[in-house]
PDB file of N, CA and C in Angstrom:
ATOM      1  N   MET A   1      22.744  13.005  -7.877  1.00  0.00           N
ATOM      2  CA  MET A   1      22.895  11.697  -7.291  1.00  0.00           C
ATOM      3  C   MET A   1      24.343  11.252  -7.383  1.00  0.00           C
ATOM      4  N   VAL A   2      24.772  10.596  -6.353  1.00  0.00           N
ATOM      5  CA  VAL A   2      26.107  10.020  -6.332  1.00  0.00           C
ATOM      6  C   VAL A   2      25.948   8.519  -6.443  1.00  0.00           C
ATOM      7  N   GLY A   3      26.434   7.940  -7.526  1.00  0.00           N
ATOM      8  CA  GLY A   3      26.255   6.503  -7.730  1.00  0.00           C
ATOM      9  C   GLY A   3      24.788   6.199  -7.916  1.00  0.00           C
ATOM     10  N   ARG A   4      24.242   5.337  -7.062  1.00  0.00           N
ATOM     11  CA  ARG A   4      22.837   4.985  -7.171  1.00  0.00           C
ATOM     12  C   ARG A   4      22.012   5.532  -6.013  1.00  0.00           C
ATOM     13  N   ARG A   5      22.614   6.338  -5.185  1.00  0.00           N
ATOM     14  CA  ARG A   5      21.902   6.924  -4.054  1.00  0.00           C
ATOM     15  C   ARG A   5      21.971   8.437  -4.135  1.00  0.00           C
ATOM     16  N   TYR A   6      21.051   9.058  -3.436  1.00  0.00           N
ATOM     17  CA  TYR A   6      21.073  10.509  -3.366  1.00  0.00           C
ATOM     18  C   TYR A   6      22.193  10.949  -2.439  1.00  0.00           C
ATOM     19  N   PRO A   7      22.754  12.132  -2.657  1.00  0.00           N
ATOM     20  CA  PRO A   7      23.839  12.574  -1.789  1.00  0.00           C
ATOM     21  C   PRO A   7      23.355  12.743  -0.342  1.00  0.00           C
ATOM     22  N   ARG A   8      24.238  12.480   0.587  1.00  0.00           N
ATOM     23  CA  ARG A   8      23.915  12.585   2.003  1.00  0.00           C
ATOM     24  C   ARG A   8      23.779  14.043   2.408  1.00  0.00           C
ATOM     25  N   THR A   9      22.886  14.289   3.357  1.00  0.00           N
ATOM     26  CA  THR A   9      22.742  15.638   3.889  1.00  0.00           C
ATOM     27  C   THR A   9      23.577  15.821   5.145  1.00  0.00           C
ATOM     28  N   GLY A  10      24.071  14.694   5.698  1.00  0.00           N
ATOM     29  CA  GLY A  10      24.909  14.774   6.885  1.00  0.00           C
ATOM     30  C   GLY A  10      24.190  14.446   8.170  1.00  0.00           C
ATOM     31  N   THR A  11      22.863  14.273   8.122  1.00  0.00           N
ATOM     32  CA  THR A  11      22.124  14.011   9.346  1.00  0.00           C
ATOM     33  C   THR A  11      21.726  12.549   9.503  1.00  0.00           C
ATOM     34  N   GLU A  12      21.837  11.754   8.442  1.00  0.00           N
ATOM     35  CA  GLU A  12      21.437  10.355   8.523  1.00  0.00           C
ATOM     36  C   GLU A  12      22.675   9.469   8.624  1.00  0.00           C
ATOM     37  N   PRO A  13      22.504   8.259   9.148  1.00  0.00           N
ATOM     38  CA  PRO A  13      23.652   7.340   9.211  1.00  0.00           C
ATOM     39  C   PRO A  13      24.144   6.989   7.813  1.00  0.00           C
ATOM     40  N   VAL A  14      25.388   6.637   7.715  1.00  0.00           N
ATOM     41  CA  VAL A  14      25.988   6.326   6.420  1.00  0.00           C
ATOM     42  C   VAL A  14      25.325   5.102   5.799  1.00  0.00           C
ATOM     43  N   THR A  15      24.924   4.135   6.619  1.00  0.00           N
ATOM     44  CA  THR A  15      24.361   2.892   6.095  1.00  0.00           C
ATOM     45  C   THR A  15      22.837   2.873   6.113  1.00  0.00           C
ATOM     46  N   ALA A  16      22.186   4.016   6.264  1.00  0.00           N
ATOM     47  CA  ALA A  16      20.723   4.057   6.324  1.00  0.00           C
ATOM     48  C   ALA A  16      20.139   3.654   4.973  1.00  0.00           C
ATOM     49  N   ARG A  17      19.223   2.688   5.024  1.00  0.00           N
ATOM     50  CA  ARG A  17      18.559   2.232   3.812  1.00  0.00           C
ATOM     51  C   ARG A  17      17.116   1.910   4.139  1.00  0.00           C
ATOM     52  N   SER A  18      16.262   2.063   3.158  1.00  0.00           N
ATOM     53  CA  SER A  18      14.864   1.703   3.324  1.00  0.00           C
ATOM     54  C   SER A  18      14.738   0.185   3.230  1.00  0.00           C
ATOM     55  N   PRO A  19      13.949  -0.441   4.105  1.00  0.00           N
ATOM     56  CA  PRO A  19      13.783  -1.894   4.045  1.00  0.00           C
ATOM     57  C   PRO A  19      12.840  -2.287   2.904  1.00  0.00           C
ATOM     58  N   LEU A  20      13.364  -2.271   1.687  1.00  0.00           N
ATOM     59  CA  LEU A  20      12.524  -2.495   0.510  1.00  0.00           C
ATOM     60  C   LEU A  20      11.941  -3.899   0.479  1.00  0.00           C
ATOM     61  N   GLY A  21      12.675  -4.881   0.955  1.00  0.00           N
ATOM     62  CA  GLY A  21      12.158  -6.248   0.959  1.00  0.00           C
ATOM     63  C   GLY A  21      10.941  -6.392   1.857  1.00  0.00           C
ATOM     64  N   LEU A  22      11.005  -5.788   3.038  1.00  0.00           N
ATOM     65  CA  LEU A  22       9.866  -5.834   3.958  1.00  0.00           C
ATOM     66  C   LEU A  22       8.682  -5.060   3.394  1.00  0.00           C
ATOM     67  N   ARG A  23       8.943  -3.906   2.809  1.00  0.00           N
ATOM     68  CA  ARG A  23       7.858  -3.131   2.198  1.00  0.00           C
ATOM     69  C   ARG A  23       7.216  -3.888   1.048  1.00  0.00           C
ATOM     70  N   LEU A  24       8.038  -4.599   0.263  1.00  0.00           N
ATOM     71  CA  LEU A  24       7.509  -5.405  -0.832  1.00  0.00           C
ATOM     72  C   LEU A  24       6.616  -6.514  -0.290  1.00  0.00           C
ATOM     73  N   LEU A  25       7.056  -7.183   0.751  1.00  0.00           N
ATOM     74  CA  LEU A  25       6.267  -8.259   1.355  1.00  0.00           C
ATOM     75  C   LEU A  25       4.953  -7.728   1.914  1.00  0.00           C
ATOM     76  N   LEU A  26       5.016  -6.649   2.686  1.00  0.00           N
ATOM     77  CA  LEU A  26       3.803  -6.107   3.302  1.00  0.00           C
ATOM     78  C   LEU A  26       2.814  -5.594   2.254  1.00  0.00           C
ATOM     79  N   ALA A  27       3.311  -4.900   1.246  1.00  0.00           N
ATOM     80  CA  ALA A  27       2.413  -4.375   0.218  1.00  0.00           C
ATOM     81  C   ALA A  27       1.779  -5.498  -0.587  1.00  0.00           C
ATOM     82  N   SER A  28       2.549  -6.545  -0.875  1.00  0.00           N
ATOM     83  CA  SER A  28       1.983  -7.632  -1.666  1.00  0.00           C
ATOM     84  C   SER A  28       1.029  -8.501  -0.850  1.00  0.00           C
ATOM     85  N   VAL A  29       1.143  -8.499   0.473  1.00  0.00           N
ATOM     86  CA  VAL A  29       0.196  -9.240   1.318  1.00  0.00           C
ATOM     87  C   VAL A  29      -1.078  -8.425   1.547  1.00  0.00           C
ATOM     88  N   PHE A  30      -0.925  -7.143   1.841  1.00  0.00           N
ATOM     89  CA  PHE A  30      -2.088  -6.349   2.211  1.00  0.00           C
ATOM     90  C   PHE A  30      -2.884  -5.813   1.036  1.00  0.00           C
ATOM     91  N   LEU A  31      -2.291  -5.698  -0.136  1.00  0.00           N
ATOM     92  CA  LEU A  31      -3.053  -5.230  -1.298  1.00  0.00           C
ATOM     93  C   LEU A  31      -4.250  -6.127  -1.594  1.00  0.00           C
ATOM     94  N   PRO A  32      -4.082  -7.455  -1.705  1.00  0.00           N
ATOM     95  CA  PRO A  32      -5.271  -8.290  -1.951  1.00  0.00           C
ATOM     96  C   PRO A  32      -6.256  -8.297  -0.787  1.00  0.00           C
ATOM     97  N   LEU A  33      -5.749  -8.170   0.441  1.00  0.00           N
ATOM     98  CA  LEU A  33      -6.651  -8.130   1.595  1.00  0.00           C
ATOM     99  C   LEU A  33      -7.527  -6.877   1.572  1.00  0.00           C
ATOM    100  N   PHE A  34      -6.932  -5.738   1.259  1.00  0.00           N
ATOM    101  CA  PHE A  34      -7.709  -4.499   1.215  1.00  0.00           C
ATOM    102  C   PHE A  34      -8.665  -4.476   0.024  1.00  0.00           C
ATOM    103  N   VAL A  35      -8.260  -5.051  -1.093  1.00  0.00           N
ATOM    104  CA  VAL A  35      -9.169  -5.137  -2.243  1.00  0.00           C
ATOM    105  C   VAL A  35     -10.355  -6.035  -1.892  1.00  0.00           C
ATOM    106  N   ALA A  36     -10.075  -7.168  -1.249  1.00  0.00           N
ATOM    107  CA  ALA A  36     -11.156  -8.064  -0.832  1.00  0.00           C
ATOM    108  C   ALA A  36     -12.071  -7.387   0.181  1.00  0.00           C
ATOM    109  N   GLY A  37     -11.496  -6.629   1.104  1.00  0.00           N
ATOM    110  CA  GLY A  37     -12.300  -5.893   2.077  1.00  0.00           C
ATOM    111  C   GLY A  37     -13.181  -4.854   1.410  1.00  0.00           C
ATOM    112  N   THR A  38     -12.630  -4.166   0.416  1.00  0.00           N
ATOM    113  CA  THR A  38     -13.410  -3.171  -0.313  1.00  0.00           C
ATOM    114  C   THR A  38     -14.610  -3.821  -0.991  1.00  0.00           C
ATOM    115  N   VAL A  39     -14.367  -4.925  -1.675  1.00  0.00           N
ATOM    116  CA  VAL A  39     -15.449  -5.623  -2.376  1.00  0.00           C
ATOM    117  C   VAL A  39     -16.469  -6.162  -1.381  1.00  0.00           C
ATOM    118  N   LEU A  40     -16.002  -6.789  -0.313  1.00  0.00           N
ATOM    119  CA  LEU A  40     -16.890  -7.365   0.686  1.00  0.00           C
ATOM    120  C   LEU A  40     -17.804  -6.306   1.310  1.00  0.00           C
ATOM    121  N   PHE A  41     -17.217  -5.200   1.757  1.00  0.00           N
ATOM    122  CA  PHE A  41     -18.024  -4.166   2.412  1.00  0.00           C
ATOM    123  C   PHE A  41     -18.949  -3.465   1.422  1.00  0.00           C
ATOM    124  N   ALA A  42     -18.506  -3.305   0.170  1.00  0.00           N
ATOM    125  CA  ALA A  42     -19.369  -2.669  -0.828  1.00  0.00           C
ATOM    126  C   ALA A  42     -20.574  -3.551  -1.155  1.00  0.00           C
ATOM    127  N   VAL A  43     -20.347  -4.853  -1.304  1.00  0.00           N
ATOM    128  CA  VAL A  43     -21.451  -5.774  -1.590  1.00  0.00           C
ATOM    129  C   VAL A  43     -22.385  -5.860  -0.384  1.00  0.00           C
ATOM    130  N   TRP A  44     -21.820  -5.904   0.802  1.00  0.00           N
ATOM    131  CA  TRP A  44     -22.622  -5.963   2.026  1.00  0.00           C
ATOM    132  C   TRP A  44     -23.462  -4.696   2.172  1.00  0.00           C
ATOM    133  N   ALA A  45     -22.859  -3.529   1.880  1.00  0.00           N
ATOM    134  CA  ALA A  45     -23.598  -2.270   1.977  1.00  0.00           C
ATOM    135  C   ALA A  45     -24.709  -2.210   0.934  1.00  0.00           C
ATOM    136  N   ALA A  46     -24.452  -2.737  -0.259  1.00  0.00           N
ATOM    137  CA  ALA A  46     -25.472  -2.713  -1.308  1.00  0.00           C
ATOM    138  C   ALA A  46     -26.640  -3.636  -0.967  1.00  0.00           C
ATOM    139  N   GLY A  47     -26.370  -4.705  -0.240  1.00  0.00           N
ATOM    140  CA  GLY A  47     -27.421  -5.656   0.090  1.00  0.00           C
ATOM    141  C   GLY A  47     -28.118  -5.405   1.413  1.00  0.00           C
ATOM    142  N   SER A  48     -27.682  -4.405   2.147  1.00  0.00           N
ATOM    143  CA  SER A  48     -28.301  -4.156   3.453  1.00  0.00           C
ATOM    144  C   SER A  48     -29.594  -3.362   3.279  1.00  0.00           C
ATOM    145  N   ASP A  49     -30.569  -3.714   4.087  1.00  0.00           N
ATOM    146  CA  ASP A  49     -31.857  -3.030   4.058  1.00  0.00           C
ATOM    147  C   ASP A  49     -31.921  -1.989   5.165  1.00  0.00           C
ATOM    148  N   GLU A  50     -32.942  -1.149   5.081  1.00  0.00           N
ATOM    149  CA  GLU A  50     -33.137  -0.136   6.116  1.00  0.00           C
ATOM    150  C   GLU A  50     -33.461  -0.839   7.431  1.00  0.00           C
ATOM    151  N   GLY A  51     -32.793  -0.425   8.494  1.00  0.00           N
ATOM    152  CA  GLY A  51     -33.009  -1.021   9.796  1.00  0.00           C
ATOM    153  C   GLY A  51     -32.032  -2.133  10.124  1.00  0.00           C
ATOM    154  N   ASP A  52     -31.213  -2.544   9.140  1.00  0.00           N
ATOM    155  CA  ASP A  52     -30.194  -3.559   9.408  1.00  0.00           C
ATOM    156  C   ASP A  52     -29.092  -2.959  10.275  1.00  0.00           C
ATOM    157  N   SER A  53     -28.445  -3.831  11.018  1.00  0.00           N
ATOM    158  CA  SER A  53     -27.312  -3.389  11.826  1.00  0.00           C
ATOM    159  C   SER A  53     -26.113  -4.245  11.448  1.00  0.00           C
ATOM    160  N   PRO A  54     -25.038  -3.708  10.958  1.00  0.00           N
ATOM    161  CA  PRO A  54     -24.774  -2.299  10.699  1.00  0.00           C
ATOM    162  C   PRO A  54     -25.483  -1.824   9.440  1.00  0.00           C
ATOM    163  N   GLY A  55     -25.725  -0.540   9.397  1.00  0.00           N
ATOM    164  CA  GLY A  55     -26.416   0.052   8.267  1.00  0.00           C
ATOM    165  C   GLY A  55     -25.498   0.224   7.067  1.00  0.00           C
ATOM    166  N   SER A  56     -26.068   0.717   5.996  1.00  0.00           N
ATOM    167  CA  SER A  56     -25.282   0.898   4.777  1.00  0.00           C
ATOM    168  C   SER A  56     -24.262   2.030   4.901  1.00  0.00           C
ATOM    169  N   GLY A  57     -24.513   3.006   5.755  1.00  0.00           N
ATOM    170  CA  GLY A  57     -23.578   4.122   5.937  1.00  0.00           C
ATOM    171  C   GLY A  57     -22.222   3.683   6.472  1.00  0.00           C
ATOM    172  N   PRO A  58     -22.206   2.993   7.632  1.00  0.00           N
ATOM    173  CA  PRO A  58     -20.905   2.527   8.140  1.00  0.00           C
ATOM    174  C   PRO A  58     -20.215   1.525   7.208  1.00  0.00           C
ATOM    175  N   LEU A  59     -20.998   0.678   6.543  1.00  0.00           N
ATOM    176  CA  LEU A  59     -20.396  -0.286   5.620  1.00  0.00           C
ATOM    177  C   LEU A  59     -19.780   0.412   4.413  1.00  0.00           C
ATOM    178  N   THR A  60     -20.432   1.450   3.931  1.00  0.00           N
ATOM    179  CA  THR A  60     -19.880   2.227   2.823  1.00  0.00           C
ATOM    180  C   THR A  60     -18.597   2.927   3.254  1.00  0.00           C
ATOM    181  N   LEU A  61     -18.599   3.455   4.472  1.00  0.00           N
ATOM    182  CA  LEU A  61     -17.396   4.099   4.993  1.00  0.00           C
ATOM    183  C   LEU A  61     -16.248   3.092   5.085  1.00  0.00           C
ATOM    184  N   LEU A  62     -16.529   1.896   5.557  1.00  0.00           N
ATOM    185  CA  LEU A  62     -15.492   0.861   5.624  1.00  0.00           C
ATOM    186  C   LEU A  62     -14.993   0.482   4.235  1.00  0.00           C
ATOM    187  N   ALA A  63     -15.885   0.424   3.258  1.00  0.00           N
ATOM    188  CA  ALA A  63     -15.482   0.121   1.883  1.00  0.00           C
ATOM    189  C   ALA A  63     -14.566   1.214   1.333  1.00  0.00           C
ATOM    190  N   VAL A  64     -14.881   2.460   1.636  1.00  0.00           N
ATOM    191  CA  VAL A  64     -14.051   3.576   1.167  1.00  0.00           C
ATOM    192  C   VAL A  64     -12.681   3.544   1.844  1.00  0.00           C
ATOM    193  N   VAL A  65     -12.655   3.276   3.145  1.00  0.00           N
ATOM    194  CA  VAL A  65     -11.381   3.209   3.868  1.00  0.00           C
ATOM    195  C   VAL A  65     -10.521   2.075   3.320  1.00  0.00           C
ATOM    196  N   CYS A  66     -11.123   0.915   3.095  1.00  0.00           N
ATOM    197  CA  CYS A  66     -10.371  -0.205   2.516  1.00  0.00           C
ATOM    198  C   CYS A  66      -9.882   0.131   1.110  1.00  0.00           C
ATOM    199  N   GLY A  67     -10.686   0.842   0.337  1.00  0.00           N
ATOM    200  CA  GLY A  67     -10.275   1.249  -0.999  1.00  0.00           C
ATOM    201  C   GLY A  67      -9.091   2.197  -0.978  1.00  0.00           C
ATOM    202  N   VAL A  68      -9.102   3.139  -0.049  1.00  0.00           N
ATOM    203  CA  VAL A  68      -7.982   4.076   0.075  1.00  0.00           C
ATOM    204  C   VAL A  68      -6.716   3.335   0.512  1.00  0.00           C
ATOM    205  N   LEU A  69      -6.864   2.397   1.439  1.00  0.00           N
ATOM    206  CA  LEU A  69      -5.707   1.616   1.876  1.00  0.00           C
ATOM    207  C   LEU A  69      -5.192   0.716   0.757  1.00  0.00           C
ATOM    208  N   ALA A  70      -6.083   0.172  -0.066  1.00  0.00           N
ATOM    209  CA  ALA A  70      -5.659  -0.634  -1.207  1.00  0.00           C
ATOM    210  C   ALA A  70      -4.906   0.227  -2.217  1.00  0.00           C
ATOM    211  N   LEU A  71      -5.382   1.428  -2.462  1.00  0.00           N
ATOM    212  CA  LEU A  71      -4.687   2.337  -3.372  1.00  0.00           C
ATOM    213  C   LEU A  71      -3.309   2.706  -2.833  1.00  0.00           C
ATOM    214  N   THR A  72      -3.220   2.972  -1.543  1.00  0.00           N
ATOM    215  CA  THR A  72      -1.940   3.294  -0.919  1.00  0.00           C
ATOM    216  C   THR A  72      -0.980   2.119  -1.022  1.00  0.00           C
ATOM    217  N   SER A  73      -1.484   0.930  -0.788  1.00  0.00           N
ATOM    218  CA  SER A  73      -0.654  -0.266  -0.890  1.00  0.00           C
ATOM    219  C   SER A  73      -0.183  -0.493  -2.328  1.00  0.00           C
ATOM    220  N   ALA A  74      -1.044  -0.262  -3.296  1.00  0.00           N
ATOM    221  CA  ALA A  74      -0.666  -0.426  -4.702  1.00  0.00           C
ATOM    222  C   ALA A  74       0.401   0.592  -5.107  1.00  0.00           C
ATOM    223  N   LEU A  75       0.254   1.823  -4.641  1.00  0.00           N
ATOM    224  CA  LEU A  75       1.261   2.844  -4.955  1.00  0.00           C
ATOM    225  C   LEU A  75       2.597   2.507  -4.309  1.00  0.00           C
ATOM    226  N   ASP A  76       2.570   2.030  -3.072  1.00  0.00           N
ATOM    227  CA  ASP A  76       3.804   1.656  -2.392  1.00  0.00           C
ATOM    228  C   ASP A  76       4.460   0.480  -3.097  1.00  0.00           C
ATOM    229  N   LEU A  77       3.663  -0.469  -3.546  1.00  0.00           N
ATOM    230  CA  LEU A  77       4.194  -1.616  -4.279  1.00  0.00           C
ATOM    231  C   LEU A  77       4.869  -1.152  -5.565  1.00  0.00           C
ATOM    232  N   ALA A  78       4.275  -0.221  -6.270  1.00  0.00           N
ATOM    233  CA  ALA A  78       4.867   0.302  -7.502  1.00  0.00           C
ATOM    234  C   ALA A  78       6.179   1.030  -7.223  1.00  0.00           C
ATOM    235  N   VAL A  79       6.226   1.813  -6.155  1.00  0.00           N
ATOM    236  CA  VAL A  79       7.451   2.543  -5.798  1.00  0.00           C
ATOM    237  C   VAL A  79       8.562   1.574  -5.430  1.00  0.00           C
ATOM    238  N   VAL A  80       8.238   0.553  -4.642  1.00  0.00           N
ATOM    239  CA  VAL A  80       9.247  -0.415  -4.219  1.00  0.00           C
ATOM    240  C   VAL A  80       9.791  -1.175  -5.417  1.00  0.00           C
ATOM    241  N   VAL A  81       8.926  -1.620  -6.308  1.00  0.00           N
ATOM    242  CA  VAL A  81       9.379  -2.352  -7.494  1.00  0.00           C
ATOM    243  C   VAL A  81      10.260  -1.457  -8.352  1.00  0.00           C
ATOM    244  N   ARG A  82       9.899  -0.205  -8.512  1.00  0.00           N
ATOM    245  CA  ARG A  82      10.710   0.721  -9.312  1.00  0.00           C
ATOM    246  C   ARG A  82      12.083   0.926  -8.682  1.00  0.00           C
ATOM    247  N   ARG A  83      12.124   1.083  -7.356  1.00  0.00           N
ATOM    248  CA  ARG A  83      13.413   1.278  -6.683  1.00  0.00           C
ATOM    249  C   ARG A  83      14.279   0.025  -6.753  1.00  0.00           C
ATOM    250  N   LEU A  84      13.672  -1.144  -6.600  1.00  0.00           N
ATOM    251  CA  LEU A  84      14.449  -2.378  -6.701  1.00  0.00           C
ATOM    252  C   LEU A  84      15.006  -2.562  -8.106  1.00  0.00           C
ATOM    253  N   ARG A  85      14.225  -2.256  -9.123  1.00  0.00           N
ATOM    254  CA  ARG A  85      14.713  -2.353 -10.509  1.00  0.00           C
ATOM    255  C   ARG A  85      15.847  -1.369 -10.754  1.00  0.00           C
ATOM    256  N   ARG A  86      15.703  -0.171 -10.211  1.00  0.00           N
ATOM    257  CA  ARG A  86      16.747   0.845 -10.397  1.00  0.00           C
ATOM    258  C   ARG A  86      18.039   0.409  -9.718  1.00  0.00           C
ATOM    259  N   GLU A  87      17.949  -0.139  -8.495  1.00  0.00           N
ATOM    260  CA  GLU A  87      19.154  -0.584  -7.798  1.00  0.00           C
ATOM    261  C   GLU A  87      19.804  -1.765  -8.502  1.00  0.00           C
ATOM    262  N   ARG A  88      19.013  -2.707  -8.967  1.00  0.00           N
ATOM    263  CA  ARG A  88      19.562  -3.868  -9.657  1.00  0.00           C
ATOM    264  C   ARG A  88      20.123  -3.496 -11.022  1.00  0.00           C
ATOM    265  N   GLY A  89      19.481  -2.556 -11.672  1.00  0.00           N
ATOM    266  CA  GLY A  89      19.952  -2.147 -12.995  1.00  0.00           C
ATOM    267  C   GLY A  89      21.260  -1.398 -12.958  1.00  0.00           C
ATOM    268  N   SER A  90      21.468  -0.552 -11.964  1.00  0.00           N
ATOM    269  CA  SER A  90      22.702   0.218 -11.896  1.00  0.00           C
ATOM    270  C   SER A  90      23.852  -0.589 -11.307  1.00  0.00           C
ATOM    271  N   ALA A  91      23.549  -1.716 -10.625  1.00  0.00           N
ATOM    272  CA  ALA A  91      24.595  -2.538 -10.037  1.00  0.00           C
ATOM    273  C   ALA A  91      25.262  -3.433 -11.078  1.00  0.00           C
ATOM    274  N   GLN A  92      24.598  -3.647 -12.211  1.00  0.00           N
ATOM    275  CA  GLN A  92      25.142  -4.554 -13.221  1.00  0.00           C
ATOM    276  C   GLN A  92      26.104  -3.869 -14.125  1.00  0.00           C
TER     277      GLN A  92
END
């Protein structure tokens, strides 16, 4: 590493940076939404009876998809916070 960034490979612009502020905002907004969606669809699937529309299968699938998206959002939030701390720590 050179300074606080990785060395350039020569193919990216000199000022290329990841929009960490936007990623932080999006991850912190969508993480609670996906967690709420996971809980909502899981409870709905658990309470659905045979013959209900939608059935428990599609609701369970939606709960799993929301859970995976919540996990992805949580991991992205952790990465962004770590990178922001690293940049702020080395700048001081």
